Amino acid sequence: MLPSSRGALFPKRLPDFHRLPPPAEADELVAWFWITSWSLPDGSVSRQNVIGYPTSNLVVEPALVGLAGPTTRASHRDLSGRGWAVGALLKPAAVPALTSDPVSLRDRYEPIDAPDLLRRVAGVLADEVTADTRASAAAAVAGWLATQVGELSAEARLANRLAELAGTEPALLRVRDLADCLGISERSVQRLARRYIGLSPAALIRRRRLQEAAERIRNDPDADLATLAADLGYADQAHLTNEFTRVLGLTPAAYRRTD
């Protein structure tokens, strides 16, 4: 099942935006594909605000292929004119094939040399972005990525499991909890996260809680913040507010007043 709009801070502002499941060959490499296209009037700008999932994205745009590293804070991109982008939200197992040091890519977007991939995807989407061309573009990225990664190791699959647990299990609030679930030491959890993700395990847990907090505030503007903080494992409402403000740049109260 594909996720909700969690990750987009203001989903109503999104242009044409679709999430697609990965084909079987990339199931262990990609969480999902996201494909967006836009055509804006001259002089118009659409700002897209995101609190990204704690992993890297492989992105194909009309003029380049890029690797967006894991983020430590909310970010934005201003769209104008006409364009499209095909992104693959990477599972940790795929990351070492694209960078040897994901930590160095935190909050950065670096071009990568993949002319064949660029040519194929651009050719598919050159004329029109439709359901069929979106699926073909995602398949092209999936096939290219599977070739780059090759056979997965047991460690790579363990890194995938680490990210899955940190991102989906609300009862896991400490690195020790993750280590116990995986049957490895806390030091091993830290090492896996550094090599395959580029963020600390604690940061993965914090991101899940913040994304859920933003989604719940967005879906229920009257939600009681003290109750929400308790539900998500924060010490108190002040703890939630401080974390929310530090990463997103606005308080929960201000966020719920913004469309």
C-alpha atoms as a PDB file:
ATOM      1  CA  MET A   1       0.000   0.000   0.000  1.00  0.00           C
ATOM      2  CA  LEU A   2       1.287   3.445  -0.916  1.00  0.00           C
ATOM      3  CA  PRO A   3       1.447   6.033   1.875  1.00  0.00           C
ATOM      4  CA  SER A   4      -0.710   9.068   2.348  1.00  0.00           C
ATOM      5  CA  SER A   5       0.512  12.546   1.483  1.00  0.00           C
ATOM      6  CA  ARG A   6       2.761  12.496   4.546  1.00  0.00           C
ATOM      7  CA  GLY A   7       5.937  14.329   3.613  1.00  0.00           C
ATOM      8  CA  ALA A   8       4.208  17.180   1.778  1.00  0.00           C
ATOM      9  CA  LEU A   9       3.516  19.948   4.273  1.00  0.00           C
ATOM     10  CA  PHE A  10       0.822  21.584   2.127  1.00  0.00           C
ATOM     11  CA  PRO A  11      -0.645  18.880  -0.154  1.00  0.00           C
ATOM     12  CA  LYS A  12      -3.240  21.251  -1.616  1.00  0.00           C
ATOM     13  CA  ARG A  13      -0.425  23.199  -3.241  1.00  0.00           C
ATOM     14  CA  LEU A  14       0.978  20.207  -5.101  1.00  0.00           C
ATOM     15  CA  PRO A  15       0.906  20.238  -8.896  1.00  0.00           C
ATOM     16  CA  ASP A  16      -0.072  17.085 -10.766  1.00  0.00           C
ATOM     17  CA  PHE A  17       1.477  14.500  -8.462  1.00  0.00           C
ATOM     18  CA  HIS A  18       1.348  10.691  -8.475  1.00  0.00           C
ATOM     19  CA  ARG A  19       2.910   7.906  -6.452  1.00  0.00           C
ATOM     20  CA  LEU A  20       3.463   4.517  -8.094  1.00  0.00           C
ATOM     21  CA  PRO A  21       4.537   1.217  -6.527  1.00  0.00           C
ATOM     22  CA  PRO A  22       7.835  -0.202  -7.775  1.00  0.00           C
ATOM     23  CA  PRO A  23       7.847  -3.155 -10.171  1.00  0.00           C
ATOM     24  CA  ALA A  24       9.019  -6.477  -8.762  1.00  0.00           C
ATOM     25  CA  GLU A  25      12.621  -6.023  -9.911  1.00  0.00           C
ATOM     26  CA  ALA A  26      12.976  -2.904  -7.745  1.00  0.00           C
ATOM     27  CA  ASP A  27      10.808  -3.889  -4.794  1.00  0.00           C
ATOM     28  CA  GLU A  28      13.803  -4.066  -2.434  1.00  0.00           C
ATOM     29  CA  LEU A  29      15.339  -0.899  -3.850  1.00  0.00           C
ATOM     30  CA  VAL A  30      12.504   1.635  -4.073  1.00  0.00           C
ATOM     31  CA  ALA A  31       9.765   2.444  -1.574  1.00  0.00           C
ATOM     32  CA  TRP A  32       7.713   4.141  -4.283  1.00  0.00           C
ATOM     33  CA  PHE A  33       8.065   6.329  -7.334  1.00  0.00           C
ATOM     34  CA  TRP A  34       6.762   9.882  -7.321  1.00  0.00           C
ATOM     35  CA  ILE A  35       6.096  11.647 -10.583  1.00  0.00           C
ATOM     36  CA  THR A  36       5.064  15.256 -10.908  1.00  0.00           C
ATOM     37  CA  SER A  37       4.438  17.596 -13.814  1.00  0.00           C
ATOM     38  CA  TRP A  38       3.407  21.233 -14.013  1.00  0.00           C
ATOM     39  CA  SER A  39       2.535  23.968 -16.456  1.00  0.00           C
ATOM     40  CA  LEU A  40       2.303  27.379 -14.810  1.00  0.00           C
ATOM     41  CA  PRO A  41       1.432  30.779 -16.281  1.00  0.00           C
ATOM     42  CA  ASP A  42       4.315  33.105 -17.098  1.00  0.00           C
ATOM     43  CA  GLY A  43       5.605  34.765 -13.964  1.00  0.00           C
ATOM     44  CA  SER A  44       3.795  32.335 -11.659  1.00  0.00           C
ATOM     45  CA  VAL A  45       5.723  30.368  -9.011  1.00  0.00           C
ATOM     46  CA  SER A  46       4.472  27.401  -7.000  1.00  0.00           C
ATOM     47  CA  ARG A  47       6.430  26.760  -3.801  1.00  0.00           C
ATOM     48  CA  GLN A  48       6.447  23.140  -2.658  1.00  0.00           C
ATOM     49  CA  ASN A  49       7.280  22.634   1.043  1.00  0.00           C
ATOM     50  CA  VAL A  50       8.389  19.192   2.152  1.00  0.00           C
ATOM     51  CA  ILE A  51       9.500  17.391   5.268  1.00  0.00           C
ATOM     52  CA  GLY A  52      11.244  14.609   3.413  1.00  0.00           C
ATOM     53  CA  TYR A  53      11.336  10.955   4.270  1.00  0.00           C
ATOM     54  CA  PRO A  54      14.690  10.124   5.891  1.00  0.00           C
ATOM     55  CA  THR A  55      16.366   8.597   2.868  1.00  0.00           C
ATOM     56  CA  SER A  56      17.753   9.572  -0.529  1.00  0.00           C
ATOM     57  CA  ASN A  57      15.862  10.154  -3.770  1.00  0.00           C
ATOM     58  CA  LEU A  58      17.030   9.376  -7.286  1.00  0.00           C
ATOM     59  CA  VAL A  59      15.497  12.078  -9.491  1.00  0.00           C
ATOM     60  CA  VAL A  60      15.296  12.366 -13.275  1.00  0.00           C
ATOM     61  CA  GLU A  61      14.473  15.814 -14.684  1.00  0.00           C
ATOM     62  CA  PRO A  62      14.442  17.000 -18.302  1.00  0.00           C
ATOM     63  CA  ALA A  63      18.076  18.123 -18.191  1.00  0.00           C
ATOM     64  CA  LEU A  64      19.732  16.007 -15.511  1.00  0.00           C
ATOM     65  CA  VAL A  65      19.723  13.006 -13.195  1.00  0.00           C
ATOM     66  CA  GLY A  66      20.338  13.855  -9.563  1.00  0.00           C
ATOM     67  CA  LEU A  67      20.686  12.236  -6.177  1.00  0.00           C
ATOM     68  CA  ALA A  68      18.961  14.118  -3.367  1.00  0.00           C
ATOM     69  CA  GLY A  69      20.472  13.132  -0.046  1.00  0.00           C
ATOM     70  CA  PRO A  70      18.638  12.664   3.243  1.00  0.00           C
ATOM     71  CA  THR A  71      17.302  15.842   4.783  1.00  0.00           C
ATOM     72  CA  THR A  72      17.676  17.157   8.310  1.00  0.00           C
ATOM     73  CA  ARG A  73      15.046  19.878   8.028  1.00  0.00           C
ATOM     74  CA  ALA A  74      12.059  20.969   6.003  1.00  0.00           C
ATOM     75  CA  SER A  75      12.906  22.139   2.506  1.00  0.00           C
ATOM     76  CA  HIS A  76      11.210  23.719  -0.459  1.00  0.00           C
ATOM     77  CA  ARG A  77      11.436  24.000  -4.211  1.00  0.00           C
ATOM     78  CA  ASP A  78       9.957  26.746  -6.360  1.00  0.00           C
ATOM     79  CA  LEU A  79       8.350  25.545  -9.587  1.00  0.00           C
ATOM     80  CA  SER A  80       7.800  27.777 -12.599  1.00  0.00           C
ATOM     81  CA  GLY A  81       7.107  27.416 -16.291  1.00  0.00           C
ATOM     82  CA  ARG A  82       6.612  23.881 -17.532  1.00  0.00           C
ATOM     83  CA  GLY A  83       8.374  20.731 -16.416  1.00  0.00           C
ATOM     84  CA  TRP A  84       8.312  17.292 -14.883  1.00  0.00           C
ATOM     85  CA  ALA A  85      10.324  15.122 -12.511  1.00  0.00           C
ATOM     86  CA  VAL A  86      10.465  11.387 -11.906  1.00  0.00           C
ATOM     87  CA  GLY A  87      11.697  10.432  -8.458  1.00  0.00           C
ATOM     88  CA  ALA A  88      12.458   7.147  -6.744  1.00  0.00           C
ATOM     89  CA  LEU A  89      12.305   7.215  -2.958  1.00  0.00           C
ATOM     90  CA  LEU A  90      15.169   4.830  -2.328  1.00  0.00           C
ATOM     91  CA  LYS A  91      15.277   2.058   0.186  1.00  0.00           C
ATOM     92  CA  PRO A  92      18.617   1.928   2.005  1.00  0.00           C
ATOM     93  CA  ALA A  93      19.781  -1.145   0.071  1.00  0.00           C
ATOM     94  CA  ALA A  94      19.997   0.921  -3.135  1.00  0.00           C
ATOM     95  CA  VAL A  95      22.004   3.813  -1.735  1.00  0.00           C
ATOM     96  CA  PRO A  96      25.586   2.421  -1.757  1.00  0.00           C
ATOM     97  CA  ALA A  97      25.351   1.856  -5.521  1.00  0.00           C
ATOM     98  CA  LEU A  98      24.923   5.622  -5.986  1.00  0.00           C
ATOM     99  CA  THR A  99      27.134   7.081  -3.246  1.00  0.00           C
ATOM    100  CA  SER A 100      29.772   5.728  -0.896  1.00  0.00           C
ATOM    101  CA  ASP A 101      28.994   8.365   1.722  1.00  0.00           C
ATOM    102  CA  PRO A 102      25.320   9.314   2.126  1.00  0.00           C
ATOM    103  CA  VAL A 103      26.230  11.385   5.200  1.00  0.00           C
ATOM    104  CA  SER A 104      28.044  13.840   2.906  1.00  0.00           C
ATOM    105  CA  LEU A 105      24.827  14.289   0.898  1.00  0.00           C
ATOM    106  CA  ARG A 106      22.694  15.515   3.775  1.00  0.00           C
ATOM    107  CA  ASP A 107      20.509  18.385   2.572  1.00  0.00           C
ATOM    108  CA  ARG A 108      22.252  18.338  -0.827  1.00  0.00           C
ATOM    109  CA  TYR A 109      21.237  17.543  -4.395  1.00  0.00           C
ATOM    110  CA  GLU A 110      24.069  16.308  -6.595  1.00  0.00           C
ATOM    111  CA  PRO A 111      23.966  15.450 -10.321  1.00  0.00           C
ATOM    112  CA  ILE A 112      25.040  11.939 -11.255  1.00  0.00           C
ATOM    113  CA  ASP A 113      26.338  10.673 -14.576  1.00  0.00           C
ATOM    114  CA  ALA A 114      23.546   8.598 -16.103  1.00  0.00           C
ATOM    115  CA  PRO A 115      23.066   9.762 -19.710  1.00  0.00           C
ATOM    116  CA  ASP A 116      21.333   6.567 -20.830  1.00  0.00           C
ATOM    117  CA  LEU A 117      18.768   6.839 -18.054  1.00  0.00           C
ATOM    118  CA  LEU A 118      18.179  10.515 -18.780  1.00  0.00           C
ATOM    119  CA  ARG A 119      17.726   9.863 -22.493  1.00  0.00           C
ATOM    120  CA  ARG A 120      15.273   7.034 -21.939  1.00  0.00           C
ATOM    121  CA  VAL A 121      13.073   8.814 -19.399  1.00  0.00           C
ATOM    122  CA  ALA A 122      13.128  12.115 -21.281  1.00  0.00           C
ATOM    123  CA  GLY A 123      12.125  10.272 -24.427  1.00  0.00           C
ATOM    124  CA  VAL A 124       9.151   8.691 -22.701  1.00  0.00           C
ATOM    125  CA  LEU A 125       7.870  11.973 -21.229  1.00  0.00           C
ATOM    126  CA  ALA A 126       8.876  14.348 -24.008  1.00  0.00           C
ATOM    127  CA  ASP A 127       5.449  14.702 -25.604  1.00  0.00           C
ATOM    128  CA  GLU A 128       2.909  14.129 -22.844  1.00  0.00           C
ATOM    129  CA  VAL A 129       2.738  13.014 -19.214  1.00  0.00           C
ATOM    130  CA  THR A 130      -0.041  10.432 -18.930  1.00  0.00           C
ATOM    131  CA  ALA A 131      -0.736   7.379 -16.799  1.00  0.00           C
ATOM    132  CA  ASP A 132       0.962   5.194 -19.410  1.00  0.00           C
ATOM    133  CA  THR A 133       4.043   7.366 -19.803  1.00  0.00           C
ATOM    134  CA  ARG A 134       4.387   7.717 -16.026  1.00  0.00           C
ATOM    135  CA  ALA A 135       4.390   3.927 -15.695  1.00  0.00           C
ATOM    136  CA  SER A 136       6.934   3.589 -18.515  1.00  0.00           C
ATOM    137  CA  ALA A 137       9.208   6.202 -16.954  1.00  0.00           C
ATOM    138  CA  ALA A 138       9.082   4.475 -13.562  1.00  0.00           C
ATOM    139  CA  ALA A 139       9.871   1.140 -15.199  1.00  0.00           C
ATOM    140  CA  ALA A 140      12.870   2.682 -16.942  1.00  0.00           C
ATOM    141  CA  VAL A 141      14.250   4.005 -13.656  1.00  0.00           C
ATOM    142  CA  ALA A 142      13.563   0.692 -11.911  1.00  0.00           C
ATOM    143  CA  GLY A 143      15.408  -1.322 -14.550  1.00  0.00           C
ATOM    144  CA  TRP A 144      18.394   1.012 -14.555  1.00  0.00           C
ATOM    145  CA  LEU A 145      18.616   0.987 -10.770  1.00  0.00           C
ATOM    146  CA  ALA A 146      18.354  -2.807 -10.513  1.00  0.00           C
ATOM    147  CA  THR A 147      21.279  -3.107 -12.924  1.00  0.00           C
ATOM    148  CA  GLN A 148      23.372  -0.661 -10.909  1.00  0.00           C
ATOM    149  CA  VAL A 149      22.718  -2.375  -7.574  1.00  0.00           C
ATOM    150  CA  GLY A 150      22.922  -6.042  -8.543  1.00  0.00           C
ATOM    151  CA  GLU A 151      22.518  -8.801  -5.962  1.00  0.00           C
ATOM    152  CA  LEU A 152      21.680  -7.632  -2.453  1.00  0.00           C
ATOM    153  CA  SER A 153      23.667  -8.688   0.584  1.00  0.00           C
ATOM    154  CA  ALA A 154      22.140  -9.780   3.878  1.00  0.00           C
ATOM    155  CA  GLU A 155      23.428  -6.524   5.384  1.00  0.00           C
ATOM    156  CA  ALA A 156      21.605  -4.457   2.746  1.00  0.00           C
ATOM    157  CA  ARG A 157      18.362  -6.248   3.517  1.00  0.00           C
ATOM    158  CA  LEU A 158      18.940  -5.645   7.223  1.00  0.00           C
ATOM    159  CA  ALA A 159      19.344  -1.934   6.492  1.00  0.00           C
ATOM    160  CA  ASN A 160      15.995  -2.012   4.698  1.00  0.00           C
ATOM    161  CA  ARG A 161      14.422  -3.604   7.740  1.00  0.00           C
ATOM    162  CA  LEU A 162      15.962  -0.976   9.997  1.00  0.00           C
ATOM    163  CA  ALA A 163      14.412   1.839   7.961  1.00  0.00           C
ATOM    164  CA  GLU A 164      11.061   0.078   7.781  1.00  0.00           C
ATOM    165  CA  LEU A 165      10.858  -0.371  11.544  1.00  0.00           C
ATOM    166  CA  ALA A 166      12.006   3.174  12.317  1.00  0.00           C
ATOM    167  CA  GLY A 167       9.495   4.610   9.874  1.00  0.00           C
ATOM    168  CA  THR A 168       6.412   2.572  10.737  1.00  0.00           C
ATOM    169  CA  GLU A 169       6.463   1.308  14.325  1.00  0.00           C
ATOM    170  CA  PRO A 170       5.146   3.924  16.783  1.00  0.00           C
ATOM    171  CA  ALA A 171       6.214   1.876  19.811  1.00  0.00           C
ATOM    172  CA  LEU A 172       9.893   2.197  18.861  1.00  0.00           C
ATOM    173  CA  LEU A 173      11.086   5.389  20.521  1.00  0.00           C
ATOM    174  CA  ARG A 174      14.755   4.650  21.223  1.00  0.00           C
ATOM    175  CA  VAL A 175      17.708   3.259  19.315  1.00  0.00           C
ATOM    176  CA  ARG A 176      17.787   0.463  21.880  1.00  0.00           C
ATOM    177  CA  ASP A 177      14.285  -0.524  20.772  1.00  0.00           C
ATOM    178  CA  LEU A 178      15.423  -0.762  17.170  1.00  0.00           C
ATOM    179  CA  ALA A 179      18.468  -2.815  18.120  1.00  0.00           C
ATOM    180  CA  ASP A 180      16.334  -5.262  20.094  1.00  0.00           C
ATOM    181  CA  CYS A 181      13.893  -5.720  17.210  1.00  0.00           C
ATOM    182  CA  LEU A 182      16.731  -6.355  14.769  1.00  0.00           C
ATOM    183  CA  GLY A 183      18.663  -8.602  17.138  1.00  0.00           C
ATOM    184  CA  ILE A 184      21.871  -6.587  16.840  1.00  0.00           C
ATOM    185  CA  SER A 185      23.789  -4.110  18.982  1.00  0.00           C
ATOM    186  CA  GLU A 186      23.110  -0.386  19.112  1.00  0.00           C
ATOM    187  CA  ARG A 187      26.545   0.169  17.601  1.00  0.00           C
ATOM    188  CA  SER A 188      25.604  -2.031  14.634  1.00  0.00           C
ATOM    189  CA  VAL A 189      22.380  -0.076  14.177  1.00  0.00           C
ATOM    190  CA  GLN A 190      24.372   3.160  14.116  1.00  0.00           C
ATOM    191  CA  ARG A 191      26.799   1.732  11.556  1.00  0.00           C
ATOM    192  CA  LEU A 192      24.020   0.480   9.270  1.00  0.00           C
ATOM    193  CA  ALA A 193      22.249   3.820   9.356  1.00  0.00           C
ATOM    194  CA  ARG A 194      25.424   5.720   8.540  1.00  0.00           C
ATOM    195  CA  ARG A 195      26.400   3.509   5.600  1.00  0.00           C
ATOM    196  CA  TYR A 196      22.999   2.996   4.023  1.00  0.00           C
ATOM    197  CA  ILE A 197      20.952   6.042   5.020  1.00  0.00           C
ATOM    198  CA  GLY A 198      23.154   8.931   6.097  1.00  0.00           C
ATOM    199  CA  LEU A 199      21.162   9.877   9.198  1.00  0.00           C
ATOM    200  CA  SER A 200      21.333   8.560  12.744  1.00  0.00           C
ATOM    201  CA  PRO A 201      18.764   5.980  13.901  1.00  0.00           C
ATOM    202  CA  ALA A 202      17.437   8.534  16.400  1.00  0.00           C
ATOM    203  CA  ALA A 203      16.865  10.974  13.521  1.00  0.00           C
ATOM    204  CA  LEU A 204      14.807   8.330  11.697  1.00  0.00           C
ATOM    205  CA  ILE A 205      12.537   7.952  14.705  1.00  0.00           C
ATOM    206  CA  ARG A 206      12.178  11.707  15.147  1.00  0.00           C
ATOM    207  CA  ARG A 207      11.283  12.160  11.479  1.00  0.00           C
ATOM    208  CA  ARG A 208       8.520   9.574  11.664  1.00  0.00           C
ATOM    209  CA  ARG A 209       7.000  11.322  14.674  1.00  0.00           C
ATOM    210  CA  LEU A 210       7.209  14.765  13.067  1.00  0.00           C
ATOM    211  CA  GLN A 211       5.661  13.595   9.811  1.00  0.00           C
ATOM    212  CA  GLU A 212       2.817  11.978  11.706  1.00  0.00           C
ATOM    213  CA  ALA A 213       2.346  15.061  13.862  1.00  0.00           C
ATOM    214  CA  ALA A 214       2.110  17.299  10.781  1.00  0.00           C
ATOM    215  CA  GLU A 215      -0.296  14.928   9.064  1.00  0.00           C
ATOM    216  CA  ARG A 216      -2.571  14.672  12.093  1.00  0.00           C
ATOM    217  CA  ILE A 217      -2.624  18.446  12.613  1.00  0.00           C
ATOM    218  CA  ARG A 218      -3.403  18.923   8.925  1.00  0.00           C
ATOM    219  CA  ASN A 219      -6.230  16.377   8.973  1.00  0.00           C
ATOM    220  CA  ASP A 220      -7.666  17.592  12.287  1.00  0.00           C
ATOM    221  CA  PRO A 221      -6.967  21.305  12.826  1.00  0.00           C
ATOM    222  CA  ASP A 222      -8.737  21.122  16.194  1.00  0.00           C
ATOM    223  CA  ALA A 223      -6.523  18.337  17.513  1.00  0.00           C
ATOM    224  CA  ASP A 224      -5.373  18.868  21.084  1.00  0.00           C
ATOM    225  CA  LEU A 225      -1.598  19.310  20.940  1.00  0.00           C
ATOM    226  CA  ALA A 226      -0.961  17.946  24.432  1.00  0.00           C
ATOM    227  CA  THR A 227      -2.827  14.745  23.558  1.00  0.00           C
ATOM    228  CA  LEU A 228      -1.033  14.512  20.233  1.00  0.00           C
ATOM    229  CA  ALA A 229       2.339  14.910  21.933  1.00  0.00           C
ATOM    230  CA  ALA A 230       1.521  12.116  24.370  1.00  0.00           C
ATOM    231  CA  ASP A 231       0.277   9.832  21.589  1.00  0.00           C
ATOM    232  CA  LEU A 232       3.524  10.261  19.658  1.00  0.00           C
ATOM    233  CA  GLY A 233       5.833   9.709  22.615  1.00  0.00           C
ATOM    234  CA  TYR A 234       6.954  13.281  23.263  1.00  0.00           C
ATOM    235  CA  ALA A 235       7.665  14.245  26.854  1.00  0.00           C
ATOM    236  CA  ASP A 236       5.051  16.995  26.698  1.00  0.00           C
ATOM    237  CA  GLN A 237       3.506  19.578  24.369  1.00  0.00           C
ATOM    238  CA  ALA A 238       6.524  21.869  24.709  1.00  0.00           C
ATOM    239  CA  HIS A 239       8.799  19.065  23.496  1.00  0.00           C
ATOM    240  CA  LEU A 240       6.606  18.577  20.410  1.00  0.00           C
ATOM    241  CA  THR A 241       6.473  22.314  19.740  1.00  0.00           C
ATOM    242  CA  ASN A 242      10.234  22.763  20.055  1.00  0.00           C
ATOM    243  CA  GLU A 243      11.010  19.849  17.734  1.00  0.00           C
ATOM    244  CA  PHE A 244       8.348  20.895  15.238  1.00  0.00           C
ATOM    245  CA  THR A 245       9.648  24.469  15.148  1.00  0.00           C
ATOM    246  CA  ARG A 246      13.307  23.482  14.913  1.00  0.00           C
ATOM    247  CA  VAL A 247      12.818  21.242  11.875  1.00  0.00           C
ATOM    248  CA  LEU A 248       9.852  22.809  10.081  1.00  0.00           C
ATOM    249  CA  GLY A 249      10.469  26.446  10.905  1.00  0.00           C
ATOM    250  CA  LEU A 250       7.008  27.140  12.338  1.00  0.00           C
ATOM    251  CA  THR A 251       5.044  26.098  15.408  1.00  0.00           C
ATOM    252  CA  PRO A 252       2.253  23.505  15.293  1.00  0.00           C
ATOM    253  CA  ALA A 253      -0.250  26.301  15.976  1.00  0.00           C
ATOM    254  CA  ALA A 254       1.071  28.363  13.069  1.00  0.00           C
ATOM    255  CA  TYR A 255       1.103  25.303  10.809  1.00  0.00           C
ATOM    256  CA  ARG A 256      -2.554  24.549  11.351  1.00  0.00           C
ATOM    257  CA  ARG A 257      -3.459  28.133  10.450  1.00  0.00           C
ATOM    258  CA  THR A 258      -1.654  27.811   7.078  1.00  0.00           C
ATOM    259  CA  ASP A 259      -3.278  26.257   4.016  1.00  0.00           C
END
